[in-house]
Amino acid sequence: MDEMEKSIRTRSEALGYKFAVLLLATWTLVNLVLYLATGGARDMLPTLVLIAVLLAQGFSEESMKRRMVEGDDEYHEPNRTVRIVVGALGVALVTFFAGFFALYAA
């Protein structure tokens, strides 16, 4: 595969990723509006998939950045991967407890 084919594939994959994230975000918002309007059961699947996709993208980007500057003596970046993992766990805990509270308070 030459450079032009790689570029085309990368752009098409980026567009597909953006479309999938937009679709999941829309599904999550519609589901939330329907839950608030009707008070029915809330489907957490699109929200969980959206969070997983965004976390996977963030982790892979950080990993690629770290590998690119790994042997460089001039550039030293703080360990942001640990911060991201701790932040992701914090967001997951807050989301879990907010969902738990919303489920049993209603």
N, C-alpha and C. Protein backbone atom coordinates (compact mmCIF):
# COMPACT_ATOMS: atom_id res chain seq x y z
N MET A 1 0.86 -1.16 0.00
CA MET A 1 0.00 0.00 0.00
C MET A 1 0.91 1.24 0.00
N ASP A 2 0.65 2.15 -0.92
CA ASP A 2 1.49 3.34 -0.99
C ASP A 2 0.94 4.44 -0.09
N GLU A 3 1.63 5.57 -0.07
CA GLU A 3 1.27 6.66 0.84
C GLU A 3 -0.11 7.25 0.53
N MET A 4 -0.48 7.33 -0.75
CA MET A 4 -1.78 7.89 -1.10
C MET A 4 -2.90 6.98 -0.59
N GLU A 5 -2.76 5.68 -0.73
CA GLU A 5 -3.77 4.76 -0.22
C GLU A 5 -3.86 4.82 1.30
N LYS A 6 -2.72 4.94 1.97
CA LYS A 6 -2.73 5.08 3.43
C LYS A 6 -3.44 6.36 3.86
N SER A 7 -3.18 7.44 3.14
CA SER A 7 -3.82 8.71 3.46
C SER A 7 -5.34 8.64 3.27
N ILE A 8 -5.75 8.03 2.17
CA ILE A 8 -7.19 7.88 1.90
C ILE A 8 -7.83 7.01 2.97
N ARG A 9 -7.19 5.91 3.33
CA ARG A 9 -7.74 5.02 4.35
C ARG A 9 -7.82 5.71 5.71
N THR A 10 -6.79 6.47 6.06
CA THR A 10 -6.78 7.18 7.34
C THR A 10 -7.90 8.21 7.39
N ARG A 11 -8.08 8.96 6.30
CA ARG A 11 -9.16 9.95 6.29
C ARG A 11 -10.53 9.30 6.35
N SER A 12 -10.71 8.19 5.63
CA SER A 12 -12.02 7.53 5.66
C SER A 12 -12.29 6.92 7.03
N GLU A 13 -11.27 6.38 7.68
CA GLU A 13 -11.46 5.84 9.03
C GLU A 13 -11.76 6.96 10.02
N ALA A 14 -11.13 8.12 9.84
CA ALA A 14 -11.41 9.25 10.72
C ALA A 14 -12.85 9.72 10.55
N LEU A 15 -13.32 9.77 9.31
CA LEU A 15 -14.72 10.16 9.09
C LEU A 15 -15.69 9.13 9.67
N GLY A 16 -15.36 7.85 9.52
CA GLY A 16 -16.20 6.80 10.10
C GLY A 16 -16.25 6.88 11.61
N TYR A 17 -15.10 7.15 12.23
CA TYR A 17 -15.03 7.30 13.69
C TYR A 17 -15.87 8.48 14.14
N LYS A 18 -15.74 9.61 13.46
CA LYS A 18 -16.51 10.80 13.83
C LYS A 18 -18.01 10.55 13.68
N PHE A 19 -18.40 9.85 12.62
CA PHE A 19 -19.81 9.54 12.41
C PHE A 19 -20.32 8.63 13.52
N ALA A 20 -19.54 7.63 13.89
CA ALA A 20 -19.96 6.70 14.95
C ALA A 20 -20.11 7.42 16.29
N VAL A 21 -19.18 8.30 16.61
CA VAL A 21 -19.26 9.04 17.86
C VAL A 21 -20.46 9.98 17.84
N LEU A 22 -20.69 10.65 16.72
CA LEU A 22 -21.86 11.54 16.60
C LEU A 22 -23.15 10.75 16.73
N LEU A 23 -23.22 9.58 16.13
CA LEU A 23 -24.41 8.74 16.22
C LEU A 23 -24.65 8.26 17.65
N LEU A 24 -23.58 7.85 18.34
CA LEU A 24 -23.72 7.42 19.73
C LEU A 24 -24.13 8.58 20.64
N ALA A 25 -23.56 9.76 20.41
CA ALA A 25 -23.93 10.92 21.22
C ALA A 25 -25.38 11.30 20.99
N THR A 26 -25.83 11.25 19.74
CA THR A 26 -27.23 11.56 19.44
C THR A 26 -28.15 10.53 20.08
N TRP A 27 -27.80 9.26 19.98
CA TRP A 27 -28.59 8.20 20.58
C TRP A 27 -28.68 8.39 22.10
N THR A 28 -27.57 8.75 22.72
CA THR A 28 -27.55 8.98 24.16
C THR A 28 -28.45 10.15 24.54
N LEU A 29 -28.37 11.25 23.80
CA LEU A 29 -29.20 12.42 24.12
C LEU A 29 -30.68 12.15 23.89
N VAL A 30 -31.03 11.48 22.79
CA VAL A 30 -32.43 11.13 22.54
C VAL A 30 -32.95 10.21 23.63
N ASN A 31 -32.14 9.26 24.02
CA ASN A 31 -32.53 8.34 25.09
C ASN A 31 -32.74 9.08 26.41
N LEU A 32 -31.87 10.05 26.70
CA LEU A 32 -32.02 10.84 27.92
C LEU A 32 -33.28 11.69 27.89
N VAL A 33 -33.56 12.32 26.76
CA VAL A 33 -34.77 13.15 26.63
C VAL A 33 -36.01 12.29 26.79
N LEU A 34 -36.04 11.12 26.15
CA LEU A 34 -37.19 10.22 26.30
C LEU A 34 -37.35 9.74 27.74
N TYR A 35 -36.24 9.48 28.41
CA TYR A 35 -36.31 9.07 29.81
C TYR A 35 -36.89 10.18 30.68
N LEU A 36 -36.44 11.41 30.46
CA LEU A 36 -36.94 12.53 31.26
C LEU A 36 -38.38 12.87 30.92
N ALA A 37 -38.77 12.72 29.66
CA ALA A 37 -40.13 13.08 29.24
C ALA A 37 -41.15 12.03 29.66
N THR A 38 -40.81 10.77 29.50
CA THR A 38 -41.79 9.71 29.76
C THR A 38 -41.57 9.01 31.09
N GLY A 39 -40.36 9.08 31.63
CA GLY A 39 -40.07 8.41 32.89
C GLY A 39 -39.93 6.90 32.73
N GLY A 40 -39.76 6.43 31.52
CA GLY A 40 -39.60 5.00 31.27
C GLY A 40 -38.21 4.51 31.64
N ALA A 41 -37.93 3.31 31.23
CA ALA A 41 -36.63 2.71 31.51
C ALA A 41 -35.55 3.38 30.67
N ARG A 42 -34.39 3.55 31.25
CA ARG A 42 -33.27 4.19 30.56
C ARG A 42 -32.31 3.13 30.06
N ASP A 43 -31.95 3.23 28.79
CA ASP A 43 -31.00 2.31 28.19
C ASP A 43 -29.60 2.90 28.31
N MET A 44 -28.74 2.24 29.10
CA MET A 44 -27.39 2.75 29.34
C MET A 44 -26.39 2.30 28.28
N LEU A 45 -26.78 1.41 27.38
CA LEU A 45 -25.85 0.86 26.41
C LEU A 45 -25.18 1.93 25.54
N PRO A 46 -25.91 2.87 24.92
CA PRO A 46 -25.21 3.86 24.09
C PRO A 46 -24.25 4.73 24.89
N THR A 47 -24.60 5.05 26.11
CA THR A 47 -23.73 5.86 26.95
C THR A 47 -22.44 5.11 27.28
N LEU A 48 -22.57 3.86 27.65
CA LEU A 48 -21.39 3.06 27.98
C LEU A 48 -20.49 2.83 26.77
N VAL A 49 -21.11 2.59 25.61
CA VAL A 49 -20.32 2.41 24.39
C VAL A 49 -19.61 3.70 24.02
N LEU A 50 -20.30 4.83 24.14
CA LEU A 50 -19.69 6.13 23.84
C LEU A 50 -18.51 6.41 24.76
N ILE A 51 -18.66 6.15 26.03
CA ILE A 51 -17.57 6.36 26.98
C ILE A 51 -16.40 5.43 26.65
N ALA A 52 -16.68 4.17 26.35
CA ALA A 52 -15.62 3.21 26.02
C ALA A 52 -14.87 3.62 24.76
N VAL A 53 -15.60 4.09 23.75
CA VAL A 53 -14.96 4.50 22.50
C VAL A 53 -14.06 5.71 22.73
N LEU A 54 -14.55 6.69 23.46
CA LEU A 54 -13.76 7.89 23.71
C LEU A 54 -12.53 7.59 24.57
N LEU A 55 -12.69 6.71 25.56
CA LEU A 55 -11.53 6.32 26.37
C LEU A 55 -10.50 5.55 25.56
N ALA A 56 -10.95 4.64 24.70
CA ALA A 56 -10.02 3.89 23.86
C ALA A 56 -9.26 4.82 22.93
N GLN A 57 -9.93 5.80 22.36
CA GLN A 57 -9.28 6.75 21.47
C GLN A 57 -8.26 7.59 22.24
N GLY A 58 -8.63 8.04 23.42
CA GLY A 58 -7.72 8.84 24.23
C GLY A 58 -6.49 8.08 24.67
N PHE A 59 -6.69 6.83 25.11
CA PHE A 59 -5.55 6.00 25.54
C PHE A 59 -4.63 5.68 24.38
N SER A 60 -5.19 5.35 23.23
CA SER A 60 -4.34 5.02 22.09
C SER A 60 -3.56 6.24 21.62
N GLU A 61 -4.18 7.42 21.65
CA GLU A 61 -3.47 8.65 21.26
C GLU A 61 -2.32 8.94 22.21
N GLU A 62 -2.56 8.81 23.50
CA GLU A 62 -1.49 9.04 24.48
C GLU A 62 -0.37 8.02 24.32
N SER A 63 -0.73 6.77 24.08
CA SER A 63 0.28 5.73 23.89
C SER A 63 1.14 6.02 22.66
N MET A 64 0.52 6.42 21.58
CA MET A 64 1.26 6.73 20.35
C MET A 64 2.18 7.93 20.55
N LYS A 65 1.71 8.94 21.27
CA LYS A 65 2.54 10.11 21.54
C LYS A 65 3.76 9.73 22.38
N ARG A 66 3.54 8.88 23.38
CA ARG A 66 4.65 8.47 24.24
C ARG A 66 5.68 7.64 23.48
N ARG A 67 5.21 6.77 22.58
CA ARG A 67 6.14 5.97 21.80
C ARG A 67 6.95 6.82 20.82
N MET A 68 6.35 7.89 20.31
CA MET A 68 7.06 8.73 19.34
C MET A 68 8.22 9.49 19.99
N VAL A 69 8.08 9.89 21.25
CA VAL A 69 9.12 10.67 21.92
C VAL A 69 9.88 9.84 22.95
N GLU A 70 9.76 8.54 22.87
CA GLU A 70 10.34 7.66 23.87
C GLU A 70 11.86 7.78 23.97
N GLY A 71 12.58 7.79 22.86
CA GLY A 71 14.03 7.83 22.90
C GLY A 71 14.62 9.22 22.80
N ASP A 72 13.78 10.24 22.76
CA ASP A 72 14.25 11.61 22.60
C ASP A 72 14.75 12.15 23.94
N ASP A 73 16.01 12.61 23.96
CA ASP A 73 16.60 13.13 25.20
C ASP A 73 16.13 14.55 25.50
N GLU A 74 15.75 15.31 24.48
CA GLU A 74 15.37 16.71 24.68
C GLU A 74 13.95 16.86 25.20
N TYR A 75 13.09 15.95 24.84
CA TYR A 75 11.67 16.11 25.17
C TYR A 75 11.28 15.14 26.27
N HIS A 76 10.88 15.67 27.40
CA HIS A 76 10.41 14.84 28.52
C HIS A 76 9.01 15.30 28.90
N GLU A 77 8.07 14.43 28.72
CA GLU A 77 6.68 14.74 29.02
C GLU A 77 6.30 14.08 30.34
N PRO A 78 5.50 14.76 31.16
CA PRO A 78 5.04 14.11 32.40
C PRO A 78 4.16 12.91 32.07
N ASN A 79 4.05 12.02 32.99
CA ASN A 79 3.29 10.81 32.78
C ASN A 79 1.79 11.12 32.81
N ARG A 80 1.27 11.48 31.65
CA ARG A 80 -0.14 11.85 31.55
C ARG A 80 -1.04 10.63 31.51
N THR A 81 -0.49 9.47 31.19
CA THR A 81 -1.31 8.26 31.12
C THR A 81 -1.89 7.94 32.49
N VAL A 82 -1.09 8.09 33.53
CA VAL A 82 -1.58 7.83 34.88
C VAL A 82 -2.69 8.83 35.24
N ARG A 83 -2.49 10.08 34.88
CA ARG A 83 -3.52 11.10 35.14
C ARG A 83 -4.81 10.76 34.40
N ILE A 84 -4.69 10.28 33.17
CA ILE A 84 -5.89 9.95 32.39
C ILE A 84 -6.61 8.76 33.00
N VAL A 85 -5.85 7.75 33.44
CA VAL A 85 -6.47 6.57 34.06
C VAL A 85 -7.20 6.96 35.35
N VAL A 86 -6.57 7.78 36.17
CA VAL A 86 -7.20 8.22 37.42
C VAL A 86 -8.43 9.08 37.11
N GLY A 87 -8.32 9.95 36.13
CA GLY A 87 -9.47 10.77 35.74
C GLY A 87 -10.61 9.94 35.18
N ALA A 88 -10.28 8.93 34.38
CA ALA A 88 -11.31 8.06 33.82
C ALA A 88 -12.01 7.27 34.92
N LEU A 89 -11.24 6.79 35.89
CA LEU A 89 -11.85 6.08 37.02
C LEU A 89 -12.75 7.01 37.82
N GLY A 90 -12.32 8.25 38.00
CA GLY A 90 -13.15 9.22 38.71
C GLY A 90 -14.45 9.50 37.98
N VAL A 91 -14.36 9.69 36.66
CA VAL A 91 -15.57 9.93 35.87
C VAL A 91 -16.48 8.71 35.90
N ALA A 92 -15.89 7.52 35.82
CA ALA A 92 -16.69 6.29 35.88
C ALA A 92 -17.40 6.16 37.22
N LEU A 93 -16.70 6.47 38.31
CA LEU A 93 -17.33 6.38 39.63
C LEU A 93 -18.45 7.40 39.79
N VAL A 94 -18.21 8.63 39.35
CA VAL A 94 -19.25 9.66 39.44
C VAL A 94 -20.45 9.28 38.60
N THR A 95 -20.21 8.77 37.39
CA THR A 95 -21.31 8.35 36.53
C THR A 95 -22.07 7.19 37.14
N PHE A 96 -21.35 6.24 37.72
CA PHE A 96 -22.01 5.10 38.35
C PHE A 96 -22.89 5.54 39.51
N PHE A 97 -22.34 6.38 40.40
CA PHE A 97 -23.12 6.80 41.55
C PHE A 97 -24.27 7.73 41.18
N ALA A 98 -24.09 8.55 40.15
CA ALA A 98 -25.20 9.40 39.68
C ALA A 98 -26.30 8.53 39.10
N GLY A 99 -25.93 7.51 38.33
CA GLY A 99 -26.93 6.60 37.78
C GLY A 99 -27.60 5.78 38.87
N PHE A 100 -26.83 5.34 39.84
CA PHE A 100 -27.39 4.60 40.98
C PHE A 100 -28.39 5.45 41.75
N PHE A 101 -28.02 6.72 42.01
CA PHE A 101 -28.90 7.63 42.72
C PHE A 101 -30.16 7.92 41.91
N ALA A 102 -30.00 8.15 40.60
CA ALA A 102 -31.16 8.44 39.75
C ALA A 102 -32.07 7.24 39.66
N LEU A 103 -31.53 6.04 39.67
CA LEU A 103 -32.34 4.83 39.56
C LEU A 103 -33.16 4.60 40.83
N TYR A 104 -32.54 4.80 41.99
CA TYR A 104 -33.26 4.50 43.23
C TYR A 104 -33.97 5.69 43.84
N ALA A 105 -33.67 6.90 43.37
CA ALA A 105 -34.37 8.07 43.89
C ALA A 105 -35.71 8.25 43.19
N ALA A 106 -35.81 7.75 41.95
CA ALA A 106 -37.04 7.92 41.18
C ALA A 106 -38.08 6.90 41.53
